[in-house]
Amino acid sequence: EIAAYRVGTGDPGRLVGEFRRAVLIAPLAGGSVDGAGG
């Protein structure tokens, strides 16, 4: 969806919908395994 949007063929609503449904990887601040750093 990001690729399609970037080349001008994507739909903003589909892009945001896919973003909301996607499981993303969010790194932890300071490399904290317990997540205390957010």
Full PDB file with SEQRES, HELIX, SHEET, SSBOND, CRYST1, ORIGX, SCALE, CONECT and MASTER records, all heavy atoms in Angstrom:
SEQRES   1 A   38  GLU ILE ALA ALA TYR ARG VAL GLY THR GLY ASP PRO GLY          
SEQRES   2 A   38  ARG LEU VAL GLY GLU PHE ARG ARG ALA VAL LEU ILE ALA          
SEQRES   3 A   38  PRO LEU ALA GLY GLY SER VAL ASP GLY ALA GLY GLY              
HELIX    1 AA1 ILE A    2  ARG A    6  1                                   5    
HELIX    2 AA2 PRO A   12  ARG A   21  1                                  10    
HELIX    3 AA3 ALA A   29  GLY A   31  5                                   3    
CRYST1    1.000    1.000    1.000  90.00  90.00  90.00 P 1           1          
ORIGX1      1.000000  0.000000  0.000000        0.00000                         
ORIGX2      0.000000  1.000000  0.000000        0.00000                         
ORIGX3      0.000000  0.000000  1.000000        0.00000                         
SCALE1      1.000000  0.000000  0.000000        0.00000                         
SCALE2      0.000000  1.000000  0.000000        0.00000                         
SCALE3      0.000000  0.000000  1.000000        0.00000                         
ATOM      1  N   GLU A   1       0.832  -1.210   0.000  1.00  0.00           N  
ATOM      2  CA  GLU A   1       0.000   0.000   0.000  1.00  0.00           C  
ATOM      3  C   GLU A   1       0.865   1.258   0.000  1.00  0.00           C  
ATOM      4  O   GLU A   1       0.555   2.234  -0.683  1.00  0.00           O  
ATOM      5  CB  GLU A   1      -0.951   0.017   1.193  1.00  0.00           C  
ATOM      6  CG  GLU A   1      -2.119  -0.924   1.074  1.00  0.00           C  
ATOM      7  CD  GLU A   1      -3.124  -0.553  -0.008  1.00  0.00           C  
ATOM      8  OE1 GLU A   1      -3.088   0.574  -0.548  1.00  0.00           O  
ATOM      9  OE2 GLU A   1      -3.957  -1.410  -0.319  1.00  0.00           O  
ATOM     10  N   ILE A   2       1.954   1.221   0.772  1.00  0.00           N  
ATOM     11  CA  ILE A   2       2.871   2.361   0.792  1.00  0.00           C  
ATOM     12  C   ILE A   2       3.466   2.568  -0.597  1.00  0.00           C  
ATOM     13  O   ILE A   2       3.507   3.687  -1.117  1.00  0.00           O  
ATOM     14  CB  ILE A   2       3.980   2.175   1.853  1.00  0.00           C  
ATOM     15  CG1 ILE A   2       3.391   2.296   3.268  1.00  0.00           C  
ATOM     16  CG2 ILE A   2       5.120   3.169   1.647  1.00  0.00           C  
ATOM     17  CD1 ILE A   2       4.357   1.932   4.388  1.00  0.00           C  
ATOM     18  N   ALA A   3       3.906   1.473  -1.231  1.00  0.00           N  
ATOM     19  CA  ALA A   3       4.499   1.568  -2.572  1.00  0.00           C  
ATOM     20  C   ALA A   3       3.496   2.129  -3.570  1.00  0.00           C  
ATOM     21  O   ALA A   3       3.834   3.010  -4.369  1.00  0.00           O  
ATOM     22  CB  ALA A   3       5.002   0.194  -3.018  1.00  0.00           C  
ATOM     23  N   ALA A   4       2.261   1.652  -3.523  1.00  0.00           N  
ATOM     24  CA  ALA A   4       1.238   2.140  -4.450  1.00  0.00           C  
ATOM     25  C   ALA A   4       0.971   3.621  -4.220  1.00  0.00           C  
ATOM     26  O   ALA A   4       0.862   4.400  -5.179  1.00  0.00           O  
ATOM     27  CB  ALA A   4      -0.052   1.332  -4.281  1.00  0.00           C  
ATOM     28  N   TYR A   5       0.897   4.035  -2.989  1.00  0.00           N  
ATOM     29  CA  TYR A   5       0.641   5.438  -2.683  1.00  0.00           C  
ATOM     30  C   TYR A   5       1.784   6.323  -3.163  1.00  0.00           C  
ATOM     31  O   TYR A   5       1.570   7.389  -3.721  1.00  0.00           O  
ATOM     32  CB  TYR A   5       0.408   5.608  -1.182  1.00  0.00           C  
ATOM     33  CG  TYR A   5      -0.052   6.991  -0.812  1.00  0.00           C  
ATOM     34  CD1 TYR A   5      -1.378   7.369  -0.977  1.00  0.00           C  
ATOM     35  CD2 TYR A   5       0.846   7.926  -0.319  1.00  0.00           C  
ATOM     36  CE1 TYR A   5      -1.809   8.642  -0.660  1.00  0.00           C  
ATOM     37  CE2 TYR A   5       0.426   9.206   0.000  1.00  0.00           C  
ATOM     38  CZ  TYR A   5      -0.902   9.557  -0.173  1.00  0.00           C  
ATOM     39  OH  TYR A   5      -1.312  10.826   0.141  1.00  0.00           O  
ATOM     40  N   ARG A   6       3.012   5.843  -2.967  1.00  0.00           N  
ATOM     41  CA  ARG A   6       4.189   6.635  -3.343  1.00  0.00           C  
ATOM     42  C   ARG A   6       4.301   6.831  -4.851  1.00  0.00           C  
ATOM     43  O   ARG A   6       4.861   7.823  -5.290  1.00  0.00           O  
ATOM     44  CB  ARG A   6       5.451   6.009  -2.768  1.00  0.00           C  
ATOM     45  CG  ARG A   6       5.524   6.179  -1.242  1.00  0.00           C  
ATOM     46  CD  ARG A   6       6.774   5.543  -0.680  1.00  0.00           C  
ATOM     47  NE  ARG A   6       7.952   6.195  -1.187  1.00  0.00           N  
ATOM     48  CZ  ARG A   6       8.708   7.050  -0.518  1.00  0.00           C  
ATOM     49  NH1 ARG A   6       8.400   7.352   0.716  1.00  0.00           N  
ATOM     50  NH2 ARG A   6       9.766   7.584  -1.061  1.00  0.00           N  
ATOM     51  N   VAL A   7       3.771   5.894  -5.649  1.00  0.00           N  
ATOM     52  CA  VAL A   7       3.828   6.060  -7.111  1.00  0.00           C  
ATOM     53  C   VAL A   7       2.557   6.698  -7.662  1.00  0.00           C  
ATOM     54  O   VAL A   7       2.410   6.853  -8.878  1.00  0.00           O  
ATOM     55  CB  VAL A   7       4.127   4.723  -7.849  1.00  0.00           C  
ATOM     56  CG1 VAL A   7       5.476   4.176  -7.453  1.00  0.00           C  
ATOM     57  CG2 VAL A   7       3.020   3.719  -7.650  1.00  0.00           C  
ATOM     58  N   GLY A   8       1.633   7.054  -6.781  1.00  0.00           N  
ATOM     59  CA  GLY A   8       0.443   7.771  -7.206  1.00  0.00           C  
ATOM     60  C   GLY A   8      -0.754   6.929  -7.560  1.00  0.00           C  
ATOM     61  O   GLY A   8      -1.749   7.448  -8.059  1.00  0.00           O  
ATOM     62  N   THR A   9      -0.683   5.617  -7.330  1.00  0.00           N  
ATOM     63  CA  THR A   9      -1.821   4.759  -7.658  1.00  0.00           C  
ATOM     64  C   THR A   9      -2.554   4.280  -6.414  1.00  0.00           C  
ATOM     65  O   THR A   9      -3.557   3.570  -6.533  1.00  0.00           O  
ATOM     66  CB  THR A   9      -1.360   3.527  -8.467  1.00  0.00           C  
ATOM     67  OG1 THR A   9      -0.438   2.771  -7.691  1.00  0.00           O  
ATOM     68  CG2 THR A   9      -0.727   3.951  -9.789  1.00  0.00           C  
ATOM     69  N   GLY A  10      -2.076   4.655  -5.250  1.00  0.00           N  
ATOM     70  CA  GLY A  10      -2.701   4.205  -4.010  1.00  0.00           C  
ATOM     71  C   GLY A  10      -3.876   5.062  -3.599  1.00  0.00           C  
ATOM     72  O   GLY A  10      -4.100   6.151  -4.127  1.00  0.00           O  
ATOM     73  N   ASP A  11      -4.621   4.548  -2.663  1.00  0.00           N  
ATOM     74  CA  ASP A  11      -5.779   5.242  -2.117  1.00  0.00           C  
ATOM     75  C   ASP A  11      -5.488   5.564  -0.648  1.00  0.00           C  
ATOM     76  O   ASP A  11      -5.150   4.659   0.115  1.00  0.00           O  
ATOM     77  CB  ASP A  11      -7.004   4.330  -2.231  1.00  0.00           C  
ATOM     78  CG  ASP A  11      -8.213   4.922  -1.567  1.00  0.00           C  
ATOM     79  OD1 ASP A  11      -8.857   5.786  -2.177  1.00  0.00           O  
ATOM     80  OD2 ASP A  11      -8.508   4.516  -0.415  1.00  0.00           O  
ATOM     81  N   PRO A  12      -5.608   6.834  -0.241  1.00  0.00           N  
ATOM     82  CA  PRO A  12      -5.294   7.206   1.140  1.00  0.00           C  
ATOM     83  C   PRO A  12      -6.102   6.425   2.178  1.00  0.00           C  
ATOM     84  O   PRO A  12      -5.562   6.023   3.207  1.00  0.00           O  
ATOM     85  CB  PRO A  12      -5.632   8.696   1.207  1.00  0.00           C  
ATOM     86  CG  PRO A  12      -5.639   9.173  -0.198  1.00  0.00           C  
ATOM     87  CD  PRO A  12      -6.001   7.989  -1.041  1.00  0.00           C  
ATOM     88  N   GLY A  13      -7.374   6.183   1.901  1.00  0.00           N  
ATOM     89  CA  GLY A  13      -8.205   5.425   2.840  1.00  0.00           C  
ATOM     90  C   GLY A  13      -7.726   3.992   3.006  1.00  0.00           C  
ATOM     91  O   GLY A  13      -7.681   3.464   4.119  1.00  0.00           O  
ATOM     92  N   ARG A  14      -7.377   3.356   1.889  1.00  0.00           N  
ATOM     93  CA  ARG A  14      -6.843   1.984   1.962  1.00  0.00           C  
ATOM     94  C   ARG A  14      -5.516   1.963   2.697  1.00  0.00           C  
ATOM     95  O   ARG A  14      -5.242   1.051   3.480  1.00  0.00           O  
ATOM     96  CB  ARG A  14      -6.660   1.412   0.555  1.00  0.00           C  
ATOM     97  CG  ARG A  14      -7.864   0.708   0.010  1.00  0.00           C  
ATOM     98  CD  ARG A  14      -7.556  -0.193  -1.193  1.00  0.00           C  
ATOM     99  NE  ARG A  14      -6.442   0.245  -2.026  1.00  0.00           N  
ATOM    100  CZ  ARG A  14      -6.569   0.910  -3.173  1.00  0.00           C  
ATOM    101  NH1 ARG A  14      -7.754   1.231  -3.637  1.00  0.00           N  
ATOM    102  NH2 ARG A  14      -5.507   1.257  -3.870  1.00  0.00           N  
ATOM    103  N   LEU A  15      -4.677   2.970   2.440  1.00  0.00           N  
ATOM    104  CA  LEU A  15      -3.376   3.045   3.095  1.00  0.00           C  
ATOM    105  C   LEU A  15      -3.539   3.141   4.612  1.00  0.00           C  
ATOM    106  O   LEU A  15      -2.918   2.384   5.363  1.00  0.00           O  
ATOM    107  CB  LEU A  15      -2.582   4.239   2.571  1.00  0.00           C  
ATOM    108  CG  LEU A  15      -1.237   4.515   3.244  1.00  0.00           C  
ATOM    109  CD1 LEU A  15      -0.271   3.358   3.044  1.00  0.00           C  
ATOM    110  CD2 LEU A  15      -0.645   5.807   2.711  1.00  0.00           C  
ATOM    111  N   VAL A  16      -4.387   4.040   5.066  1.00  0.00           N  
ATOM    112  CA  VAL A  16      -4.597   4.199   6.509  1.00  0.00           C  
ATOM    113  C   VAL A  16      -5.241   2.942   7.088  1.00  0.00           C  
ATOM    114  O   VAL A  16      -4.866   2.486   8.171  1.00  0.00           O  
ATOM    115  CB  VAL A  16      -5.436   5.459   6.817  1.00  0.00           C  
ATOM    116  CG1 VAL A  16      -5.832   5.509   8.291  1.00  0.00           C  
ATOM    117  CG2 VAL A  16      -4.655   6.710   6.439  1.00  0.00           C  
ATOM    118  N   GLY A  17      -6.180   2.351   6.373  1.00  0.00           N  
ATOM    119  CA  GLY A  17      -6.802   1.112   6.844  1.00  0.00           C  
ATOM    120  C   GLY A  17      -5.798  -0.004   7.002  1.00  0.00           C  
ATOM    121  O   GLY A  17      -5.804  -0.738   8.003  1.00  0.00           O  
ATOM    122  N   GLU A  18      -4.921  -0.153   6.025  1.00  0.00           N  
ATOM    123  CA  GLU A  18      -3.898  -1.208   6.104  1.00  0.00           C  
ATOM    124  C   GLU A  18      -2.918  -0.913   7.236  1.00  0.00           C  
ATOM    125  O   GLU A  18      -2.488  -1.817   7.944  1.00  0.00           O  
ATOM    126  CB  GLU A  18      -3.175  -1.350   4.776  1.00  0.00           C  
ATOM    127  CG  GLU A  18      -2.400  -2.633   4.654  1.00  0.00           C  
ATOM    128  CD  GLU A  18      -3.245  -3.880   4.824  1.00  0.00           C  
ATOM    129  OE1 GLU A  18      -4.350  -3.967   4.267  1.00  0.00           O  
ATOM    130  OE2 GLU A  18      -2.789  -4.807   5.545  1.00  0.00           O  
ATOM    131  N   PHE A  19      -2.558   0.356   7.406  1.00  0.00           N  
ATOM    132  CA  PHE A  19      -1.688   0.743   8.519  1.00  0.00           C  
ATOM    133  C   PHE A  19      -2.325   0.342   9.848  1.00  0.00           C  
ATOM    134  O   PHE A  19      -1.673  -0.228  10.715  1.00  0.00           O  
ATOM    135  CB  PHE A  19      -1.432   2.258   8.484  1.00  0.00           C  
ATOM    136  CG  PHE A  19      -0.864   2.805   9.760  1.00  0.00           C  
ATOM    137  CD1 PHE A  19       0.458   2.572  10.102  1.00  0.00           C  
ATOM    138  CD2 PHE A  19      -1.660   3.538  10.625  1.00  0.00           C  
ATOM    139  CE1 PHE A  19       0.980   3.067  11.292  1.00  0.00           C  
ATOM    140  CE2 PHE A  19      -1.142   4.045  11.810  1.00  0.00           C  
ATOM    141  CZ  PHE A  19       0.179   3.801  12.143  1.00  0.00           C  
ATOM    142  N   ARG A  20      -3.601   0.622  10.018  1.00  0.00           N  
ATOM    143  CA  ARG A  20      -4.284   0.310  11.280  1.00  0.00           C  
ATOM    144  C   ARG A  20      -4.337  -1.199  11.529  1.00  0.00           C  
ATOM    145  O   ARG A  20      -4.258  -1.644  12.666  1.00  0.00           O  
ATOM    146  CB  ARG A  20      -5.686   0.904  11.291  1.00  0.00           C  
ATOM    147  CG  ARG A  20      -5.683   2.436  11.363  1.00  0.00           C  
ATOM    148  CD  ARG A  20      -7.086   2.996  11.470  1.00  0.00           C  
ATOM    149  NE  ARG A  20      -7.779   2.551  12.664  1.00  0.00           N  
ATOM    150  CZ  ARG A  20      -7.600   3.062  13.886  1.00  0.00           C  
ATOM    151  NH1 ARG A  20      -6.745   4.047  14.069  1.00  0.00           N  
ATOM    152  NH2 ARG A  20      -8.278   2.589  14.906  1.00  0.00           N  
ATOM    153  N   ARG A  21      -4.474  -1.995  10.469  1.00  0.00           N  
ATOM    154  CA  ARG A  21      -4.562  -3.457  10.608  1.00  0.00           C  
ATOM    155  C   ARG A  21      -3.208  -4.144  10.724  1.00  0.00           C  
ATOM    156  O   ARG A  21      -3.125  -5.292  11.168  1.00  0.00           O  
ATOM    157  CB  ARG A  21      -5.309  -4.053   9.418  1.00  0.00           C  
ATOM    158  CG  ARG A  21      -6.789  -3.789   9.410  1.00  0.00           C  
ATOM    159  CD  ARG A  21      -7.473  -4.516   8.256  1.00  0.00           C  
ATOM    160  NE  ARG A  21      -7.088  -4.000   6.953  1.00  0.00           N  
ATOM    161  CZ  ARG A  21      -7.640  -2.943   6.356  1.00  0.00           C  
ATOM    162  NH1 ARG A  21      -8.599  -2.277   6.963  1.00  0.00           N  
ATOM    163  NH2 ARG A  21      -7.244  -2.552   5.170  1.00  0.00           N  
ATOM    164  N   ALA A  22      -2.151  -3.479  10.313  1.00  0.00           N  
ATOM    165  CA  ALA A  22      -0.828  -4.108  10.263  1.00  0.00           C  
ATOM    166  C   ALA A  22      -0.239  -4.319  11.652  1.00  0.00           C  
ATOM    167  O   ALA A  22      -0.373  -3.471  12.531  1.00  0.00           O  
ATOM    168  CB  ALA A  22       0.121  -3.240   9.442  1.00  0.00           C  
ATOM    169  N   VAL A  23       0.406  -5.451  11.818  1.00  0.00           N  
ATOM    170  CA  VAL A  23       1.211  -5.682  13.017  1.00  0.00           C  
ATOM    171  C   VAL A  23       2.582  -5.102  12.713  1.00  0.00           C  
ATOM    172  O   VAL A  23       3.262  -5.524  11.781  1.00  0.00           O  
ATOM    173  CB  VAL A  23       1.327  -7.181  13.356  1.00  0.00           C  
ATOM    174  CG1 VAL A  23       2.259  -7.380  14.543  1.00  0.00           C  
ATOM    175  CG2 VAL A  23      -0.048  -7.775  13.638  1.00  0.00           C  
ATOM    176  N   LEU A  24       2.953  -4.092  13.487  1.00  0.00           N  
ATOM    177  CA  LEU A  24       4.211  -3.382  13.269  1.00  0.00           C  
ATOM    178  C   LEU A  24       5.214  -3.730  14.348  1.00  0.00           C  
ATOM    179  O   LEU A  24       4.850  -4.136  15.454  1.00  0.00           O  
ATOM    180  CB  LEU A  24       3.950  -1.872  13.258  1.00  0.00           C  
ATOM    181  CG  LEU A  24       3.003  -1.396  12.158  1.00  0.00           C  
ATOM    182  CD1 LEU A  24       2.594   0.044  12.389  1.00  0.00           C  
ATOM    183  CD2 LEU A  24       3.658  -1.556  10.795  1.00  0.00           C  
ATOM    184  N   ILE A  25       6.467  -3.544  14.022  1.00  0.00           N  
ATOM    185  CA  ILE A  25       7.562  -3.746  14.959  1.00  0.00           C  
ATOM    186  C   ILE A  25       7.993  -2.373  15.449  1.00  0.00           C  
ATOM    187  O   ILE A  25       8.415  -1.536  14.654  1.00  0.00           O  
ATOM    188  CB  ILE A  25       8.718  -4.482  14.267  1.00  0.00           C  
ATOM    189  CG1 ILE A  25       8.281  -5.915  13.932  1.00  0.00           C  
ATOM    190  CG2 ILE A  25       9.967  -4.460  15.130  1.00  0.00           C  
ATOM    191  CD1 ILE A  25       9.273  -6.673  13.092  1.00  0.00           C  
ATOM    192  N   ALA A  26       7.846  -2.142  16.753  1.00  0.00           N  
ATOM    193  CA  ALA A  26       8.210  -0.856  17.353  1.00  0.00           C  
ATOM    194  C   ALA A  26       9.376  -1.093  18.306  1.00  0.00           C  
ATOM    195  O   ALA A  26       9.217  -1.742  19.343  1.00  0.00           O  
ATOM    196  CB  ALA A  26       7.018  -0.266  18.099  1.00  0.00           C  
ATOM    197  N   PRO A  27      10.573  -0.598  17.952  1.00  0.00           N  
ATOM    198  CA  PRO A  27      11.736  -0.816  18.827  1.00  0.00           C  
ATOM    199  C   PRO A  27      11.554  -0.108  20.163  1.00  0.00           C  
ATOM    200  O   PRO A  27      10.921   0.938  20.249  1.00  0.00           O  
ATOM    201  CB  PRO A  27      12.904  -0.235  18.037  1.00  0.00           C  
ATOM    202  CG  PRO A  27      12.302   0.666  17.021  1.00  0.00           C  
ATOM    203  CD  PRO A  27      10.906   0.192  16.772  1.00  0.00           C  
ATOM    204  N   LEU A  28      12.128  -0.723  21.187  1.00  0.00           N  
ATOM    205  CA  LEU A  28      12.046  -0.164  22.531  1.00  0.00           C  
ATOM    206  C   LEU A  28      13.160   0.840  22.761  1.00  0.00           C  
ATOM    207  O   LEU A  28      14.300   0.631  22.336  1.00  0.00           O  
ATOM    208  CB  LEU A  28      12.105  -1.284  23.570  1.00  0.00           C  
ATOM    209  CG  LEU A  28      10.983  -2.316  23.444  1.00  0.00           C  
ATOM    210  CD1 LEU A  28      11.195  -3.451  24.445  1.00  0.00           C  
ATOM    211  CD2 LEU A  28       9.624  -1.675  23.632  1.00  0.00           C  
ATOM    212  N   ALA A  29      12.845   1.922  23.402  1.00  0.00           N  
ATOM    213  CA  ALA A  29      13.825   2.978  23.694  1.00  0.00           C  
ATOM    214  C   ALA A  29      14.905   2.444  24.612  1.00  0.00           C  
ATOM    215  O   ALA A  29      14.625   1.720  25.567  1.00  0.00           O  
ATOM    216  CB  ALA A  29      13.132   4.175  24.338  1.00  0.00           C  
ATOM    217  N   GLY A  30      16.115   2.781  24.315  1.00  0.00           N  
ATOM    218  CA  GLY A  30      17.235   2.372  25.156  1.00  0.00           C  
ATOM    219  C   GLY A  30      17.508   0.883  25.152  1.00  0.00           C  
ATOM    220  O   GLY A  30      18.273   0.384  25.959  1.00  0.00           O  
ATOM    221  N   GLY A  31      16.862   0.142  24.255  1.00  0.00           N  
ATOM    222  CA  GLY A  31      17.087  -1.288  24.180  1.00  0.00           C  
ATOM    223  C   GLY A  31      16.574  -2.030  25.388  1.00  0.00           C  
ATOM    224  O   GLY A  31      16.995  -3.135  25.671  1.00  0.00           O  
ATOM    225  N   SER A  32      15.633  -1.458  26.114  1.00  0.00           N  
ATOM    226  CA  SER A  32      15.109  -2.062  27.326  1.00  0.00           C  
ATOM    227  C   SER A  32      14.204  -3.237  26.995  1.00  0.00           C  
ATOM    228  O   SER A  32      13.165  -3.069  26.368  1.00  0.00           O  
ATOM    229  CB  SER A  32      14.326  -1.019  28.136  1.00  0.00           C  
ATOM    230  OG  SER A  32      13.700  -1.614  29.223  1.00  0.00           O  
ATOM    231  N   VAL A  33      14.592  -4.436  27.423  1.00  0.00           N  
ATOM    232  CA  VAL A  33      13.807  -5.631  27.158  1.00  0.00           C  
ATOM    233  C   VAL A  33      12.482  -5.591  27.908  1.00  0.00           C  
ATOM    234  O   VAL A  33      11.460  -6.053  27.419  1.00  0.00           O  
ATOM    235  CB  VAL A  33      14.598  -6.910  27.526  1.00  0.00           C  
ATOM    236  CG1 VAL A  33      13.758  -8.144  27.339  1.00  0.00           C  
ATOM    237  CG2 VAL A  33      15.862  -6.994  26.683  1.00  0.00           C  
ATOM    238  N   ASP A  34      12.453  -4.975  29.093  1.00  0.00           N  
ATOM    239  CA  ASP A  34      11.207  -4.931  29.863  1.00  0.00           C  
ATOM    240  C   ASP A  34      10.289  -3.796  29.422  1.00  0.00           C  
ATOM    241  O   ASP A  34       9.176  -3.660  29.916  1.00  0.00           O  
ATOM    242  CB  ASP A  34      11.484  -4.832  31.360  1.00  0.00           C  
ATOM    243  CG  ASP A  34      12.170  -3.538  31.776  1.00  0.00           C  
ATOM    244  OD1 ASP A  34      12.349  -2.647  30.932  1.00  0.00           O  
ATOM    245  OD2 ASP A  34      12.527  -3.428  32.952  1.00  0.00           O  
ATOM    246  N   GLY A  35      10.737  -2.968  28.477  1.00  0.00           N  
ATOM    247  CA  GLY A  35       9.902  -1.905  27.946  1.00  0.00           C  
ATOM    248  C   GLY A  35       9.807  -0.690  28.849  1.00  0.00           C  
ATOM    249  O   GLY A  35       9.050   0.223  28.591  1.00  0.00           O  
ATOM    250  N   ALA A  36      10.595  -0.661  29.924  1.00  0.00           N  
ATOM    251  CA  ALA A  36      10.506   0.444  30.879  1.00  0.00           C  
ATOM    252  C   ALA A  36      10.838   1.779  30.232  1.00  0.00           C  
ATOM    253  O   ALA A  36      10.367   2.813  30.681  1.00  0.00           O  
ATOM    254  CB  ALA A  36      11.435   0.186  32.066  1.00  0.00           C  
ATOM    255  N   GLY A  37      11.620   1.773  29.168  1.00  0.00           N  
ATOM    256  CA  GLY A  37      11.977   3.011  28.509  1.00  0.00           C  
ATOM    257  C   GLY A  37      10.948   3.477  27.498  1.00  0.00           C  
ATOM    258  O   GLY A  37      11.067   4.538  26.934  1.00  0.00           O  
ATOM    259  N   GLY A  38       9.924   2.699  27.243  1.00  0.00           N  
ATOM    260  CA  GLY A  38       8.915   3.063  26.253  1.00  0.00           C  
ATOM    261  C   GLY A  38       9.361   2.733  24.845  1.00  0.00           C  
ATOM    262  O   GLY A  38      10.325   1.999  24.624  1.00  0.00           O  
TER     263      GLY A  38                                                      
MASTER        0    0    0    3    0    0    0    6  262    1    0    3          
END                                                                             
